[in-house]
């Protein structure tokens, strides 16, 4: 993996994270770094989904990054899962348990 690939992953991750935050309703108070991590996680979730659904690039294995569309889809899934997991930690009155 060269420096160009790493820079491309970072840029795609950042863009995918911002788009996912715009698509998922609700307030997501995330920093730029957290949005970048969301996009990077989403890229690998998208790569896994592409591998499982289409068998694309099976020689690279299940743990692989995806392109922009896959990264956006994966980021939306990752953000929904994150919101569901962290939302369960609040009581009905909104007080953290």
PDB file of N, CA and C in Angstrom:
ATOM      1  N   UNK A   1       0.859  -1.169   0.000  1.00  0.00           N
ATOM      2  CA  UNK A   1       0.000   0.000   0.000  1.00  0.00           C
ATOM      3  C   UNK A   1       0.906   1.233   0.000  1.00  0.00           C
ATOM      4  N   UNK A   2       0.780   2.026  -1.031  1.00  0.00           N
ATOM      5  CA  UNK A   2       1.614   3.207  -1.155  1.00  0.00           C
ATOM      6  C   UNK A   2       1.011   4.422  -0.490  1.00  0.00           C
ATOM      7  N   UNK A   3       1.788   5.512  -0.484  1.00  0.00           N
ATOM      8  CA  UNK A   3       1.329   6.760   0.145  1.00  0.00           C
ATOM      9  C   UNK A   3       0.118   7.323  -0.588  1.00  0.00           C
ATOM     10  N   UNK A   4       0.069   7.157  -1.904  1.00  0.00           N
ATOM     11  CA  UNK A   4      -1.085   7.634  -2.674  1.00  0.00           C
ATOM     12  C   UNK A   4      -2.366   6.920  -2.287  1.00  0.00           C
ATOM     13  N   UNK A   5      -2.267   5.624  -2.031  1.00  0.00           N
ATOM     14  CA  UNK A   5      -3.433   4.845  -1.614  1.00  0.00           C
ATOM     15  C   UNK A   5      -3.912   5.290  -0.240  1.00  0.00           C
ATOM     16  N   UNK A   6      -2.980   5.543   0.651  1.00  0.00           N
ATOM     17  CA  UNK A   6      -3.343   5.992   2.000  1.00  0.00           C
ATOM     18  C   UNK A   6      -4.014   7.359   1.955  1.00  0.00           C
ATOM     19  N   UNK A   7      -3.473   8.275   1.158  1.00  0.00           N
ATOM     20  CA  UNK A   7      -4.077   9.606   1.027  1.00  0.00           C
ATOM     21  C   UNK A   7      -5.468   9.496   0.411  1.00  0.00           C
ATOM     22  N   UNK A   8      -5.621   8.649  -0.602  1.00  0.00           N
ATOM     23  CA  UNK A   8      -6.939   8.454  -1.222  1.00  0.00           C
ATOM     24  C   UNK A   8      -7.931   7.885  -0.218  1.00  0.00           C
ATOM     25  N   UNK A   9      -7.496   6.910   0.600  1.00  0.00           N
ATOM     26  CA  UNK A   9      -8.374   6.355   1.631  1.00  0.00           C
ATOM     27  C   UNK A   9      -8.817   7.428   2.621  1.00  0.00           C
ATOM     28  N   UNK A  10      -7.894   8.288   3.013  1.00  0.00           N
ATOM     29  CA  UNK A  10      -8.231   9.359   3.961  1.00  0.00           C
ATOM     30  C   UNK A  10      -9.233  10.339   3.358  1.00  0.00           C
ATOM     31  N   UNK A  11      -9.029  10.720   2.114  1.00  0.00           N
ATOM     32  CA  UNK A  11      -9.938  11.676   1.461  1.00  0.00           C
ATOM     33  C   UNK A  11     -11.313  11.049   1.265  1.00  0.00           C
ATOM     34  N   UNK A  12     -11.348   9.823   0.754  1.00  0.00           N
ATOM     35  CA  UNK A  12     -12.631   9.138   0.558  1.00  0.00           C
ATOM     36  C   UNK A  12     -13.327   8.927   1.899  1.00  0.00           C
ATOM     37  N   UNK A  13     -12.573   8.568   2.929  1.00  0.00           N
ATOM     38  CA  UNK A  13     -13.157   8.380   4.260  1.00  0.00           C
ATOM     39  C   UNK A  13     -13.762   9.652   4.810  1.00  0.00           C
ATOM     40  N   UNK A  14     -13.070  10.771   4.639  1.00  0.00           N
ATOM     41  CA  UNK A  14     -13.581  12.048   5.142  1.00  0.00           C
ATOM     42  C   UNK A  14     -14.855  12.453   4.407  1.00  0.00           C
ATOM     43  N   UNK A  15     -14.837  12.340   3.083  1.00  0.00           N
ATOM     44  CA  UNK A  15     -16.024  12.697   2.285  1.00  0.00           C
ATOM     45  C   UNK A  15     -17.189  11.773   2.630  1.00  0.00           C
ATOM     46  N   UNK A  16     -16.925  10.477   2.708  1.00  0.00           N
ATOM     47  CA  UNK A  16     -17.987   9.511   3.024  1.00  0.00           C
ATOM     48  C   UNK A  16     -18.556   9.755   4.419  1.00  0.00           C
ATOM     49  N   UNK A  17     -17.702  10.079   5.380  1.00  0.00           N
ATOM     50  CA  UNK A  17     -18.172  10.370   6.735  1.00  0.00           C
ATOM     51  C   UNK A  17     -19.075  11.586   6.785  1.00  0.00           C
ATOM     52  N   UNK A  18     -18.682  12.657   6.071  1.00  0.00           N
ATOM     53  CA  UNK A  18     -19.517  13.863   6.042  1.00  0.00           C
ATOM     54  C   UNK A  18     -20.858  13.596   5.359  1.00  0.00           C
ATOM     55  N   UNK A  19     -20.837  12.853   4.256  1.00  0.00           N
ATOM     56  CA  UNK A  19     -22.093  12.547   3.554  1.00  0.00           C
ATOM     57  C   UNK A  19     -22.985  11.661   4.423  1.00  0.00           C
ATOM     58  N   UNK A  20     -22.406  10.673   5.090  1.00  0.00           N
ATOM     59  CA  UNK A  20     -23.198   9.800   5.970  1.00  0.00           C
ATOM     60  C   UNK A  20     -23.831  10.595   7.096  1.00  0.00           C
ATOM     61  N   UNK A  21     -23.081  11.532   7.676  1.00  0.00           N
ATOM     62  CA  UNK A  21     -23.645  12.364   8.745  1.00  0.00           C
ATOM     63  C   UNK A  21     -24.784  13.223   8.227  1.00  0.00           C
ATOM     64  N   UNK A  22     -24.712  13.652   6.969  1.00  0.00           N
ATOM     65  CA  UNK A  22     -25.783  14.457   6.385  1.00  0.00           C
ATOM     66  C   UNK A  22     -27.011  13.603   6.077  1.00  0.00           C
ATOM     67  N   UNK A  23     -26.802  12.335   5.730  1.00  0.00           N
ATOM     68  CA  UNK A  23     -27.921  11.465   5.359  1.00  0.00           C
ATOM     69  C   UNK A  23     -28.668  10.902   6.563  1.00  0.00           C
ATOM     70  N   UNK A  24     -27.972  10.644   7.647  1.00  0.00           N
ATOM     71  CA  UNK A  24     -28.608  10.053   8.835  1.00  0.00           C
ATOM     72  C   UNK A  24     -29.229  11.170   9.666  1.00  0.00           C
ATOM     73  N   UNK A  25     -30.537  11.079   9.927  1.00  0.00           N
ATOM     74  CA  UNK A  25     -31.187  12.132  10.704  1.00  0.00           C
ATOM     75  C   UNK A  25     -30.719  12.145  12.156  1.00  0.00           C
ATOM     76  N   UNK A  26     -30.809  13.299  12.754  1.00  0.00           N
ATOM     77  CA  UNK A  26     -30.407  13.447  14.146  1.00  0.00           C
ATOM     78  C   UNK A  26     -29.123  14.244  14.263  1.00  0.00           C
ATOM     79  N   UNK A  27     -28.834  14.643  15.477  1.00  0.00           N
ATOM     80  CA  UNK A  27     -27.641  15.447  15.735  1.00  0.00           C
ATOM     81  C   UNK A  27     -26.463  14.524  16.014  1.00  0.00           C
ATOM     82  N   UNK A  28     -25.425  14.683  15.244  1.00  0.00           N
ATOM     83  CA  UNK A  28     -24.193  13.916  15.448  1.00  0.00           C
ATOM     84  C   UNK A  28     -23.071  14.909  15.700  1.00  0.00           C
ATOM     85  N   UNK A  29     -22.747  15.119  16.953  1.00  0.00           N
ATOM     86  CA  UNK A  29     -21.676  16.054  17.286  1.00  0.00           C
ATOM     87  C   UNK A  29     -20.353  15.304  17.242  1.00  0.00           C
ATOM     88  N   UNK A  30     -19.749  15.310  16.068  1.00  0.00           N
ATOM     89  CA  UNK A  30     -18.480  14.629  15.855  1.00  0.00           C
ATOM     90  C   UNK A  30     -17.444  15.630  15.376  1.00  0.00           C
ATOM     91  N   UNK A  31     -16.209  15.395  15.776  1.00  0.00           N
ATOM     92  CA  UNK A  31     -15.116  16.219  15.275  1.00  0.00           C
ATOM     93  C   UNK A  31     -14.738  15.747  13.870  1.00  0.00           C
ATOM     94  N   UNK A  32     -13.844  16.456  13.249  1.00  0.00           N
ATOM     95  CA  UNK A  32     -13.385  16.074  11.916  1.00  0.00           C
ATOM     96  C   UNK A  32     -12.670  14.724  11.969  1.00  0.00           C
ATOM     97  N   UNK A  33     -11.902  14.508  13.005  1.00  0.00           N
ATOM     98  CA  UNK A  33     -11.186  13.231  13.149  1.00  0.00           C
ATOM     99  C   UNK A  33     -12.182  12.088  13.331  1.00  0.00           C
ATOM    100  N   UNK A  34     -13.213  12.288  14.138  1.00  0.00           N
ATOM    101  CA  UNK A  34     -14.228  11.247  14.328  1.00  0.00           C
ATOM    102  C   UNK A  34     -14.975  10.979  13.023  1.00  0.00           C
ATOM    103  N   UNK A  35     -15.235  12.031  12.242  1.00  0.00           N
ATOM    104  CA  UNK A  35     -15.891  11.861  10.953  1.00  0.00           C
ATOM    105  C   UNK A  35     -14.988  11.084  10.000  1.00  0.00           C
ATOM    106  N   UNK A  36     -13.692  11.361  10.038  1.00  0.00           N
ATOM    107  CA  UNK A  36     -12.731  10.631   9.214  1.00  0.00           C
ATOM    108  C   UNK A  36     -12.708   9.154   9.602  1.00  0.00           C
ATOM    109  N   UNK A  37     -12.692   8.871  10.890  1.00  0.00           N
ATOM    110  CA  UNK A  37     -12.698   7.477  11.357  1.00  0.00           C
ATOM    111  C   UNK A  37     -13.998   6.790  10.937  1.00  0.00           C
ATOM    112  N   UNK A  38     -15.118   7.501  11.039  1.00  0.00           N
ATOM    113  CA  UNK A  38     -16.396   6.954  10.588  1.00  0.00           C
ATOM    114  C   UNK A  38     -16.314   6.575   9.116  1.00  0.00           C
ATOM    115  N   UNK A  39     -15.761   7.449   8.297  1.00  0.00           N
ATOM    116  CA  UNK A  39     -15.638   7.169   6.876  1.00  0.00           C
ATOM    117  C   UNK A  39     -14.700   6.014   6.580  1.00  0.00           C
ATOM    118  N   UNK A  40     -13.603   5.919   7.326  1.00  0.00           N
ATOM    119  CA  UNK A  40     -12.671   4.805   7.123  1.00  0.00           C
ATOM    120  C   UNK A  40     -13.304   3.476   7.519  1.00  0.00           C
ATOM    121  N   UNK A  41     -14.004   3.471   8.659  1.00  0.00           N
ATOM    122  CA  UNK A  41     -14.714   2.257   9.073  1.00  0.00           C
ATOM    123  C   UNK A  41     -15.771   1.908   8.032  1.00  0.00           C
ATOM    124  N   UNK A  42     -16.485   2.921   7.560  1.00  0.00           N
ATOM    125  CA  UNK A  42     -17.506   2.709   6.533  1.00  0.00           C
ATOM    126  C   UNK A  42     -16.933   2.151   5.246  1.00  0.00           C
ATOM    127  N   UNK A  43     -15.736   2.580   4.886  1.00  0.00           N
ATOM    128  CA  UNK A  43     -15.097   2.070   3.682  1.00  0.00           C
ATOM    129  C   UNK A  43     -14.828   0.570   3.792  1.00  0.00           C
ATOM    130  N   UNK A  44     -14.375   0.151   4.952  1.00  0.00           N
ATOM    131  CA  UNK A  44     -14.113  -1.275   5.133  1.00  0.00           C
ATOM    132  C   UNK A  44     -15.400  -2.080   5.303  1.00  0.00           C
ATOM    133  N   UNK A  45     -16.433  -1.475   5.903  1.00  0.00           N
ATOM    134  CA  UNK A  45     -17.745  -2.137   5.967  1.00  0.00           C
ATOM    135  C   UNK A  45     -18.298  -2.292   4.554  1.00  0.00           C
ATOM    136  N   UNK A  46     -18.166  -1.246   3.741  1.00  0.00           N
ATOM    137  CA  UNK A  46     -18.597  -1.323   2.347  1.00  0.00           C
ATOM    138  C   UNK A  46     -17.816  -2.359   1.561  1.00  0.00           C
ATOM    139  N   UNK A  47     -16.514  -2.459   1.826  1.00  0.00           N
ATOM    140  CA  UNK A  47     -15.703  -3.481   1.166  1.00  0.00           C
ATOM    141  C   UNK A  47     -16.123  -4.885   1.554  1.00  0.00           C
ATOM    142  N   UNK A  48     -16.439  -5.075   2.830  1.00  0.00           N
ATOM    143  CA  UNK A  48     -16.912  -6.378   3.296  1.00  0.00           C
ATOM    144  C   UNK A  48     -18.254  -6.724   2.655  1.00  0.00           C
ATOM    145  N   UNK A  49     -19.162  -5.744   2.600  1.00  0.00           N
ATOM    146  CA  UNK A  49     -20.464  -5.996   1.976  1.00  0.00           C
ATOM    147  C   UNK A  49     -20.310  -6.325   0.495  1.00  0.00           C
ATOM    148  N   UNK A  50     -19.436  -5.595  -0.198  1.00  0.00           N
ATOM    149  CA  UNK A  50     -19.189  -5.887  -1.604  1.00  0.00           C
ATOM    150  C   UNK A  50     -18.618  -7.277  -1.805  1.00  0.00           C
ATOM    151  N   UNK A  51     -17.725  -7.673  -0.923  1.00  0.00           N
ATOM    152  CA  UNK A  51     -17.137  -9.011  -0.990  1.00  0.00           C
ATOM    153  C   UNK A  51     -18.201 -10.078  -0.743  1.00  0.00           C
ATOM    154  N   UNK A  52     -19.040  -9.862   0.285  1.00  0.00           N
ATOM    155  CA  UNK A  52     -20.050 -10.860   0.626  1.00  0.00           C
ATOM    156  C   UNK A  52     -21.170 -10.942  -0.406  1.00  0.00           C
ATOM    157  N   UNK A  53     -21.604  -9.799  -0.916  1.00  0.00           N
ATOM    158  CA  UNK A  53     -22.738  -9.782  -1.840  1.00  0.00           C
ATOM    159  C   UNK A  53     -22.350 -10.144  -3.267  1.00  0.00           C
ATOM    160  N   UNK A  54     -21.216  -9.648  -3.728  1.00  0.00           N
ATOM    161  CA  UNK A  54     -20.864  -9.785  -5.136  1.00  0.00           C
ATOM    162  C   UNK A  54     -19.626 -10.642  -5.371  1.00  0.00           C
ATOM    163  N   UNK A  55     -18.868 -10.971  -4.334  1.00  0.00           N
ATOM    164  CA  UNK A  55     -17.657 -11.748  -4.507  1.00  0.00           C
ATOM    165  C   UNK A  55     -16.579 -10.992  -5.273  1.00  0.00           C
ATOM    166  N   UNK A  56     -16.716  -9.678  -5.333  1.00  0.00           N
ATOM    167  CA  UNK A  56     -15.766  -8.855  -6.090  1.00  0.00           C
ATOM    168  C   UNK A  56     -14.424  -8.825  -5.370  1.00  0.00           C
ATOM    169  N   UNK A  57     -13.362  -8.961  -6.118  1.00  0.00           N
ATOM    170  CA  UNK A  57     -12.000  -8.953  -5.583  1.00  0.00           C
ATOM    171  C   UNK A  57     -11.822 -10.000  -4.490  1.00  0.00           C
ATOM    172  N   UNK A  58     -12.308 -11.187  -4.735  1.00  0.00           N
ATOM    173  CA  UNK A  58     -12.212 -12.253  -3.741  1.00  0.00           C
ATOM    174  C   UNK A  58     -10.758 -12.599  -3.424  1.00  0.00           C
ATOM    175  N   UNK A  59      -9.860 -12.310  -4.347  1.00  0.00           N
ATOM    176  CA  UNK A  59      -8.447 -12.608  -4.101  1.00  0.00           C
ATOM    177  C   UNK A  59      -7.854 -11.713  -3.021  1.00  0.00           C
ATOM    178  N   UNK A  60      -8.477 -10.538  -2.786  1.00  0.00           N
ATOM    179  CA  UNK A  60      -7.992  -9.619  -1.754  1.00  0.00           C
ATOM    180  C   UNK A  60      -8.526  -9.961  -0.372  1.00  0.00           C
ATOM    181  N   UNK A  61      -9.517 -10.819  -0.291  1.00  0.00           N
ATOM    182  CA  UNK A  61     -10.079 -11.215   0.991  1.00  0.00           C
ATOM    183  C   UNK A  61     -11.246 -10.337   1.396  1.00  0.00           C
ATOM    184  N   UNK A  62     -11.826 -10.642   2.534  1.00  0.00           N
ATOM    185  CA  UNK A  62     -13.027  -9.940   2.999  1.00  0.00           C
ATOM    186  C   UNK A  62     -12.702  -8.575   3.588  1.00  0.00           C
ATOM    187  N   UNK A  63     -11.490  -8.383   4.096  1.00  0.00           N
ATOM    188  CA  UNK A  63     -11.118  -7.117   4.739  1.00  0.00           C
ATOM    189  C   UNK A  63     -10.424  -6.232   3.712  1.00  0.00           C
ATOM    190  N   UNK A  64     -11.236  -5.390   3.025  1.00  0.00           N
ATOM    191  CA  UNK A  64     -10.710  -4.533   1.989  1.00  0.00           C
ATOM    192  C   UNK A  64     -11.499  -3.230   1.945  1.00  0.00           C
ATOM    193  N   UNK A  65     -10.865  -2.133   1.531  1.00  0.00           N
ATOM    194  CA  UNK A  65     -11.599  -0.875   1.412  1.00  0.00           C
ATOM    195  C   UNK A  65     -12.456  -0.878   0.154  1.00  0.00           C
ATOM    196  N   UNK A  66     -13.473  -0.019   0.151  1.00  0.00           N
ATOM    197  CA  UNK A  66     -14.325   0.101  -1.023  1.00  0.00           C
ATOM    198  C   UNK A  66     -14.162   1.489  -1.629  1.00  0.00           C
ATOM    199  N   UNK A  67     -14.861   1.724  -2.707  1.00  0.00           N
ATOM    200  CA  UNK A  67     -14.854   3.039  -3.334  1.00  0.00           C
ATOM    201  C   UNK A  67     -15.782   3.991  -2.599  1.00  0.00           C
ATOM    202  N   UNK A  68     -16.044   5.131  -3.209  1.00  0.00           N
ATOM    203  CA  UNK A  68     -16.827   6.173  -2.544  1.00  0.00           C
ATOM    204  C   UNK A  68     -18.251   5.726  -2.242  1.00  0.00           C
ATOM    205  N   UNK A  69     -18.925   5.106  -3.190  1.00  0.00           N
ATOM    206  CA  UNK A  69     -20.316   4.681  -2.972  1.00  0.00           C
ATOM    207  C   UNK A  69     -20.380   3.636  -1.858  1.00  0.00           C
ATOM    208  N   UNK A  70     -19.500   2.645  -1.907  1.00  0.00           N
ATOM    209  CA  UNK A  70     -19.463   1.632  -0.857  1.00  0.00           C
ATOM    210  C   UNK A  70     -19.107   2.226   0.489  1.00  0.00           C
ATOM    211  N   UNK A  71     -18.212   3.219   0.488  1.00  0.00           N
ATOM    212  CA  UNK A  71     -17.823   3.862   1.743  1.00  0.00           C
ATOM    213  C   UNK A  71     -18.987   4.651   2.339  1.00  0.00           C
ATOM    214  N   UNK A  72     -19.774   5.298   1.499  1.00  0.00           N
ATOM    215  CA  UNK A  72     -20.936   6.049   1.989  1.00  0.00           C
ATOM    216  C   UNK A  72     -21.964   5.082   2.579  1.00  0.00           C
ATOM    217  N   UNK A  73     -22.249   4.003   1.857  1.00  0.00           N
ATOM    218  CA  UNK A  73     -23.213   3.019   2.361  1.00  0.00           C
ATOM    219  C   UNK A  73     -22.711   2.408   3.667  1.00  0.00           C
ATOM    220  N   UNK A  74     -21.450   2.028   3.705  1.00  0.00           N
ATOM    221  CA  UNK A  74     -20.869   1.464   4.921  1.00  0.00           C
ATOM    222  C   UNK A  74     -20.856   2.461   6.064  1.00  0.00           C
ATOM    223  N   UNK A  75     -20.601   3.744   5.773  1.00  0.00           N
ATOM    224  CA  UNK A  75     -20.588   4.777   6.812  1.00  0.00           C
ATOM    225  C   UNK A  75     -21.976   5.001   7.389  1.00  0.00           C
ATOM    226  N   UNK A  76     -22.985   4.981   6.530  1.00  0.00           N
ATOM    227  CA  UNK A  76     -24.362   5.127   7.019  1.00  0.00           C
ATOM    228  C   UNK A  76     -24.706   3.959   7.937  1.00  0.00           C
ATOM    229  N   UNK A  77     -24.333   2.745   7.532  1.00  0.00           N
ATOM    230  CA  UNK A  77     -24.589   1.569   8.371  1.00  0.00           C
ATOM    231  C   UNK A  77     -23.843   1.683   9.694  1.00  0.00           C
ATOM    232  N   UNK A  78     -22.563   2.063   9.630  1.00  0.00           N
ATOM    233  CA  UNK A  78     -21.763   2.193  10.854  1.00  0.00           C
ATOM    234  C   UNK A  78     -22.325   3.270  11.774  1.00  0.00           C
ATOM    235  N   UNK A  79     -22.791   4.392  11.211  1.00  0.00           N
ATOM    236  CA  UNK A  79     -23.354   5.470  12.025  1.00  0.00           C
ATOM    237  C   UNK A  79     -24.678   5.047  12.659  1.00  0.00           C
ATOM    238  N   UNK A  80     -25.508   4.324  11.919  1.00  0.00           N
ATOM    239  CA  UNK A  80     -26.768   3.834  12.487  1.00  0.00           C
ATOM    240  C   UNK A  80     -26.509   2.847  13.622  1.00  0.00           C
ATOM    241  N   UNK A  81     -25.537   1.973  13.442  1.00  0.00           N
ATOM    242  CA  UNK A  81     -25.188   1.025  14.504  1.00  0.00           C
ATOM    243  C   UNK A  81     -24.635   1.775  15.714  1.00  0.00           C
ATOM    244  N   UNK A  82     -23.766   2.745  15.475  1.00  0.00           N
ATOM    245  CA  UNK A  82     -23.199   3.539  16.567  1.00  0.00           C
ATOM    246  C   UNK A  82     -24.294   4.269  17.342  1.00  0.00           C
ATOM    247  N   UNK A  83     -25.232   4.889  16.615  1.00  0.00           N
ATOM    248  CA  UNK A  83     -26.335   5.596  17.278  1.00  0.00           C
ATOM    249  C   UNK A  83     -27.219   4.640  18.065  1.00  0.00           C
ATOM    250  N   UNK A  84     -27.447   3.452  17.529  1.00  0.00           N
ATOM    251  CA  UNK A  84     -28.276   2.475  18.246  1.00  0.00           C
ATOM    252  C   UNK A  84     -27.579   1.988  19.509  1.00  0.00           C
ATOM    253  N   UNK A  85     -26.292   1.769  19.431  1.00  0.00           N
ATOM    254  CA  UNK A  85     -25.550   1.271  20.594  1.00  0.00           C
ATOM    255  C   UNK A  85     -25.435   2.350  21.658  1.00  0.00           C
ATOM    256  N   UNK A  86     -25.094   3.551  21.287  1.00  0.00           N
ATOM    257  CA  UNK A  86     -24.933   4.612  22.283  1.00  0.00           C
ATOM    258  C   UNK A  86     -26.266   5.137  22.773  1.00  0.00           C
ATOM    259  N   UNK A  87     -27.325   5.002  21.995  1.00  0.00           N
ATOM    260  CA  UNK A  87     -28.650   5.452  22.416  1.00  0.00           C
ATOM    261  C   UNK A  87     -29.225   4.600  23.520  1.00  0.00           C
ATOM    262  N   UNK A  88     -28.782   3.375  23.619  1.00  0.00           N
ATOM    263  CA  UNK A  88     -29.280   2.471  24.660  1.00  0.00           C
ATOM    264  C   UNK A  88     -28.711   2.803  26.028  1.00  0.00           C
ATOM    265  N   UNK A  89     -27.703   3.639  26.075  1.00  0.00           N
ATOM    266  CA  UNK A  89     -27.079   3.969  27.350  1.00  0.00           C
ATOM    267  C   UNK A  89     -27.787   5.116  28.057  1.00  0.00           C
ATOM    268  N   UNK A  90     -28.857   5.619  27.488  1.00  0.00           N
ATOM    269  CA  UNK A  90     -29.604   6.719  28.082  1.00  0.00           C
ATOM    270  C   UNK A  90     -30.916   6.195  28.650  1.00  0.00           C
ATOM    271  N   UNK A  91     -31.315   6.746  29.770  1.00  0.00           N
ATOM    272  CA  UNK A  91     -32.608   6.359  30.330  1.00  0.00           C
ATOM    273  C   UNK A  91     -33.696   7.166  29.643  1.00  0.00           C
ATOM    274  N   UNK A  92     -34.925   6.956  30.034  1.00  0.00           N
ATOM    275  CA  UNK A  92     -36.050   7.665  29.396  1.00  0.00           C
ATOM    276  C   UNK A  92     -36.004   9.162  29.639  1.00  0.00           C
ATOM    277  N   UNK A  93     -35.444   9.583  30.724  1.00  0.00           N
ATOM    278  CA  UNK A  93     -35.385  11.018  31.040  1.00  0.00           C
ATOM    279  C   UNK A  93     -34.192  11.697  30.393  1.00  0.00           C
ATOM    280  N   UNK A  94     -33.383  10.935  29.670  1.00  0.00           N
ATOM    281  CA  UNK A  94     -32.219  11.512  29.027  1.00  0.00           C
ATOM    282  C   UNK A  94     -30.997  11.597  29.926  1.00  0.00           C
ATOM    283  N   UNK A  95     -31.087  10.994  31.097  1.00  0.00           N
ATOM    284  CA  UNK A  95     -29.956  11.012  32.037  1.00  0.00           C
ATOM    285  C   UNK A  95     -29.096   9.796  31.733  1.00  0.00           C
ATOM    286  N   UNK A  96     -27.804  10.017  31.644  1.00  0.00           N
ATOM    287  CA  UNK A  96     -26.909   8.913  31.355  1.00  0.00           C
ATOM    288  C   UNK A  96     -26.860   7.944  32.520  1.00  0.00           C
ATOM    289  N   UNK A  97     -27.011   6.669  32.214  1.00  0.00           N
ATOM    290  CA  UNK A  97     -27.044   5.634  33.243  1.00  0.00           C
ATOM    291  C   UNK A  97     -25.657   5.101  33.491  1.00  0.00           C
TER     292      UNK A  97
END
